[in-house]
N, C-alpha and C. Protein backbone atom coordinates (compact mmCIF):
# COMPACT_ATOMS: atom_id res chain seq x y z
N MET A 1 1.13 -0.75 0.06
CA MET A 1 0.01 0.00 -0.16
C MET A 1 0.75 1.79 0.31
N GLU A 2 0.70 2.16 -0.53
CA GLU A 2 0.89 3.31 -0.60
C GLU A 2 0.69 4.15 -0.04
N LYS A 3 1.47 5.00 0.50
CA LYS A 3 0.71 6.61 1.66
C LYS A 3 0.89 7.62 0.46
N VAL A 4 0.14 8.25 0.90
CA VAL A 4 -0.90 9.84 0.39
C VAL A 4 -0.81 10.69 0.98
N ASN A 5 0.36 12.21 0.74
CA ASN A 5 -0.53 12.90 2.48
C ASN A 5 -0.41 14.58 1.84
N ILE A 6 -1.73 14.71 2.91
CA ILE A 6 -3.05 15.46 1.91
C ILE A 6 -2.63 16.46 3.17
N SER A 7 -2.80 18.07 2.49
CA SER A 7 -3.22 18.45 3.60
C SER A 7 -4.25 19.31 3.76
N LEU A 8 -5.17 19.87 4.35
CA LEU A 8 -6.63 19.93 5.50
C LEU A 8 -6.48 21.07 6.23
N PRO A 9 -6.76 21.78 5.80
CA PRO A 9 -7.74 23.10 6.01
C PRO A 9 -7.66 22.49 7.62
N ASP A 10 -8.10 23.83 8.60
CA ASP A 10 -8.27 23.46 10.13
C ASP A 10 -9.12 23.27 10.01
N GLN A 11 -10.89 23.70 8.77
CA GLN A 11 -12.19 23.66 8.67
C GLN A 11 -12.69 22.01 8.79
N LEU A 12 -12.11 21.53 7.60
CA LEU A 12 -12.32 21.12 6.87
C LEU A 12 -11.32 19.16 8.01
N LYS A 13 -10.63 19.59 8.47
CA LYS A 13 -9.31 18.36 9.51
C LYS A 13 -10.92 19.00 10.02
N LYS A 14 -11.13 19.92 11.37
CA LYS A 14 -12.02 19.60 12.17
C LYS A 14 -13.25 19.00 11.71
N PHE A 15 -13.67 18.71 10.76
CA PHE A 15 -14.97 17.75 10.25
C PHE A 15 -14.63 16.10 9.64
N VAL A 16 -12.82 16.16 9.45
CA VAL A 16 -12.87 14.17 9.18
C VAL A 16 -12.78 14.30 11.20
N ASP A 17 -11.90 14.69 12.49
CA ASP A 17 -11.56 14.18 13.14
C ASP A 17 -13.07 14.08 13.95
N SER A 18 -14.16 15.01 13.55
CA SER A 18 -16.25 14.87 13.98
C SER A 18 -16.54 13.37 13.39
N ARG A 19 -16.09 13.34 12.27
CA ARG A 19 -16.08 12.25 11.54
C ARG A 19 -16.49 11.08 12.17
N ILE A 20 -14.78 10.75 11.92
CA ILE A 20 -14.41 9.49 12.86
C ILE A 20 -14.78 9.16 14.61
N ALA A 21 -14.73 10.34 14.97
CA ALA A 21 -15.43 10.31 16.48
C ALA A 21 -16.96 9.52 16.38
N THR A 22 -17.39 9.78 15.01
CA THR A 22 -19.07 9.79 16.00
C THR A 22 -19.53 9.20 14.68
N VAL A 23 -18.92 8.49 13.64
CA VAL A 23 -18.61 7.44 12.40
C VAL A 23 -18.33 5.92 13.52
N ARG A 24 -18.52 5.37 11.99
CA ARG A 24 -17.37 3.75 12.20
C ARG A 24 -16.29 3.71 11.96
N TYR A 25 -15.49 5.27 11.60
CA TYR A 25 -14.27 5.28 11.25
C TYR A 25 -13.36 5.39 11.90
N SER A 26 -12.45 4.29 12.00
CA SER A 26 -11.36 3.94 12.67
C SER A 26 -10.01 5.62 12.83
N SER A 27 -9.72 6.44 11.29
CA SER A 27 -9.31 7.00 11.32
C SER A 27 -9.14 7.70 9.97
N ALA A 28 -8.39 8.37 9.36
CA ALA A 28 -8.81 9.89 8.54
C ALA A 28 -8.72 8.81 6.98
N SER A 29 -7.63 8.39 7.30
CA SER A 29 -6.72 7.01 6.01
C SER A 29 -8.52 6.56 5.43
N GLU A 30 -8.94 5.26 6.18
CA GLU A 30 -10.54 4.67 6.33
C GLU A 30 -10.92 5.74 5.78
N TYR A 31 -11.48 7.06 6.77
CA TYR A 31 -12.62 7.72 6.28
C TYR A 31 -12.17 8.68 4.58
N VAL A 32 -11.05 8.58 4.28
CA VAL A 32 -10.84 9.06 2.58
C VAL A 32 -10.93 8.46 2.40
N CYS A 33 -9.93 6.86 2.20
CA CYS A 33 -10.84 5.76 1.63
C CYS A 33 -12.43 5.46 0.93
N GLU A 34 -13.22 5.54 2.68
CA GLU A 34 -14.46 5.60 1.57
C GLU A 34 -15.29 6.30 0.55
N LEU A 35 -15.00 7.86 1.25
CA LEU A 35 -15.07 8.88 -0.19
C LEU A 35 -14.87 8.48 -1.27
N ILE A 36 -13.40 8.76 -1.85
CA ILE A 36 -13.16 8.20 -2.80
C ILE A 36 -13.90 6.09 -3.51
N ARG A 37 -14.08 5.31 -2.84
CA ARG A 37 -14.50 4.43 -3.03
C ARG A 37 -16.50 4.97 -3.30
N ALA A 38 -17.06 5.71 -3.05
CA ALA A 38 -17.97 6.28 -3.11
C ALA A 38 -18.01 6.82 -4.36
N ASP A 39 -16.80 7.75 -4.83
CA ASP A 39 -16.96 8.29 -5.42
C ASP A 39 -16.91 7.43 -6.84
N GLN A 40 -15.62 6.40 -6.50
CA GLN A 40 -15.87 5.48 -8.25
C GLN A 40 -16.88 4.94 -8.20
N LYS A 41 -18.28 4.86 -7.49
CA LYS A 41 -19.63 3.71 -7.25
C LYS A 41 -19.81 4.76 -8.53
N ARG A 42 -20.44 6.74 -7.50
CA ARG A 42 -21.02 7.62 -8.45
C ARG A 42 -19.96 7.75 -10.02
N THR A 43 -19.24 7.75 -10.31
CA THR A 43 -18.25 7.85 -11.92
C THR A 43 -19.50 6.71 -12.91
N ALA A 44 -18.54 5.59 -11.36
CA ALA A 44 -18.58 3.97 -12.80
C ALA A 44 -21.12 4.11 -12.72
N GLU A 45 -21.51 4.00 -12.24
CA GLU A 45 -23.18 4.55 -11.99
C GLU A 45 -23.69 5.65 -12.72
N ALA A 46 -22.92 6.86 -13.08
CA ALA A 46 -23.24 7.66 -13.77
C ALA A 46 -22.07 6.69 -15.03
N ARG A 47 -21.34 5.93 -15.64
CA ARG A 47 -21.31 6.30 -16.88
C ARG A 47 -22.31 4.39 -17.64
N LEU A 48 -22.61 3.98 -16.83
CA LEU A 48 -23.84 3.32 -16.67
C LEU A 48 -24.96 3.82 -17.58
N GLU A 49 -25.23 4.74 -16.64
CA GLU A 49 -26.39 5.56 -18.12
C GLU A 49 -25.92 5.72 -17.84
N ARG A 50 -25.36 6.80 -18.65
CA ARG A 50 -24.71 7.46 -19.70
C ARG A 50 -25.01 6.11 -21.25
N LEU A 51 -24.46 5.28 -20.91
CA LEU A 51 -24.82 4.10 -22.07
C LEU A 51 -26.17 3.28 -22.23
N LEU A 52 -26.89 3.75 -21.38
CA LEU A 52 -28.43 3.01 -21.98
C LEU A 52 -28.90 4.45 -22.33
N LEU A 53 -28.31 5.28 -21.54
CA LEU A 53 -29.54 6.29 -23.31
C LEU A 53 -28.87 6.49 -23.67
N GLU A 54 -27.68 6.26 -24.42
CA GLU A 54 -26.92 6.15 -26.10
C GLU A 54 -27.44 5.03 -26.01
N GLY A 55 -27.56 3.84 -25.60
CA GLY A 55 -28.40 2.68 -26.45
C GLY A 55 -29.76 2.69 -26.60
N ARG A 56 -30.59 3.71 -26.34
CA ARG A 56 -31.81 4.19 -25.46
C ARG A 56 -32.15 4.88 -27.10
N ARG A 57 -31.42 5.90 -27.92
CA ARG A 57 -31.31 6.50 -28.60
C ARG A 57 -30.48 6.16 -30.25
N GLY A 58 -30.73 5.18 -29.73
CA GLY A 58 -29.90 4.18 -31.26
C GLY A 58 -31.07 3.61 -31.98
N GLU A 59 -31.03 3.07 -32.87
CA GLU A 59 -31.80 1.91 -34.36
C GLU A 59 -32.50 0.93 -33.24
N GLU A 60 -33.76 0.78 -33.17
CA GLU A 60 -34.03 -0.34 -32.65
C GLU A 60 -33.84 -1.69 -33.04
N THR A 61 -33.66 -2.59 -32.75
CA THR A 61 -33.07 -4.09 -33.52
C THR A 61 -33.80 -5.81 -32.93
N GLU A 62 -34.45 -5.79 -33.79
CA GLU A 62 -35.17 -7.67 -32.89
C GLU A 62 -33.29 -8.55 -32.61
N LEU A 63 -33.58 -8.66 -31.35
CA LEU A 63 -32.85 -9.41 -30.15
C LEU A 63 -32.29 -10.62 -31.37
N THR A 64 -31.38 -11.32 -31.23
CA THR A 64 -30.77 -12.34 -32.01
C THR A 64 -30.31 -13.11 -31.15
N SER A 65 -30.28 -14.72 -31.29
CA SER A 65 -29.70 -15.32 -30.14
C SER A 65 -27.02 -14.95 -29.94
N ASP A 66 -26.93 -14.55 -30.91
CA ASP A 66 -26.03 -13.23 -30.53
C ASP A 66 -25.92 -11.80 -29.92
N ASP A 67 -26.75 -11.47 -29.44
CA ASP A 67 -27.89 -10.75 -28.41
C ASP A 67 -26.89 -10.89 -26.85
């Protein structure tokens, strides 16, 4: 696992500390990892939605066994 150092303004550091104290996070690292996972999920969902919408705009064809 690789380390990444980040700098936060005091206000954000206090917020992170409060989240650690009040939620199930054991460290700032765990909290940041969870935020990144949530962002990855949102990104994947947005991509899927774009692909589905593109598919709806396409020409309709009958499904075959190849599909």
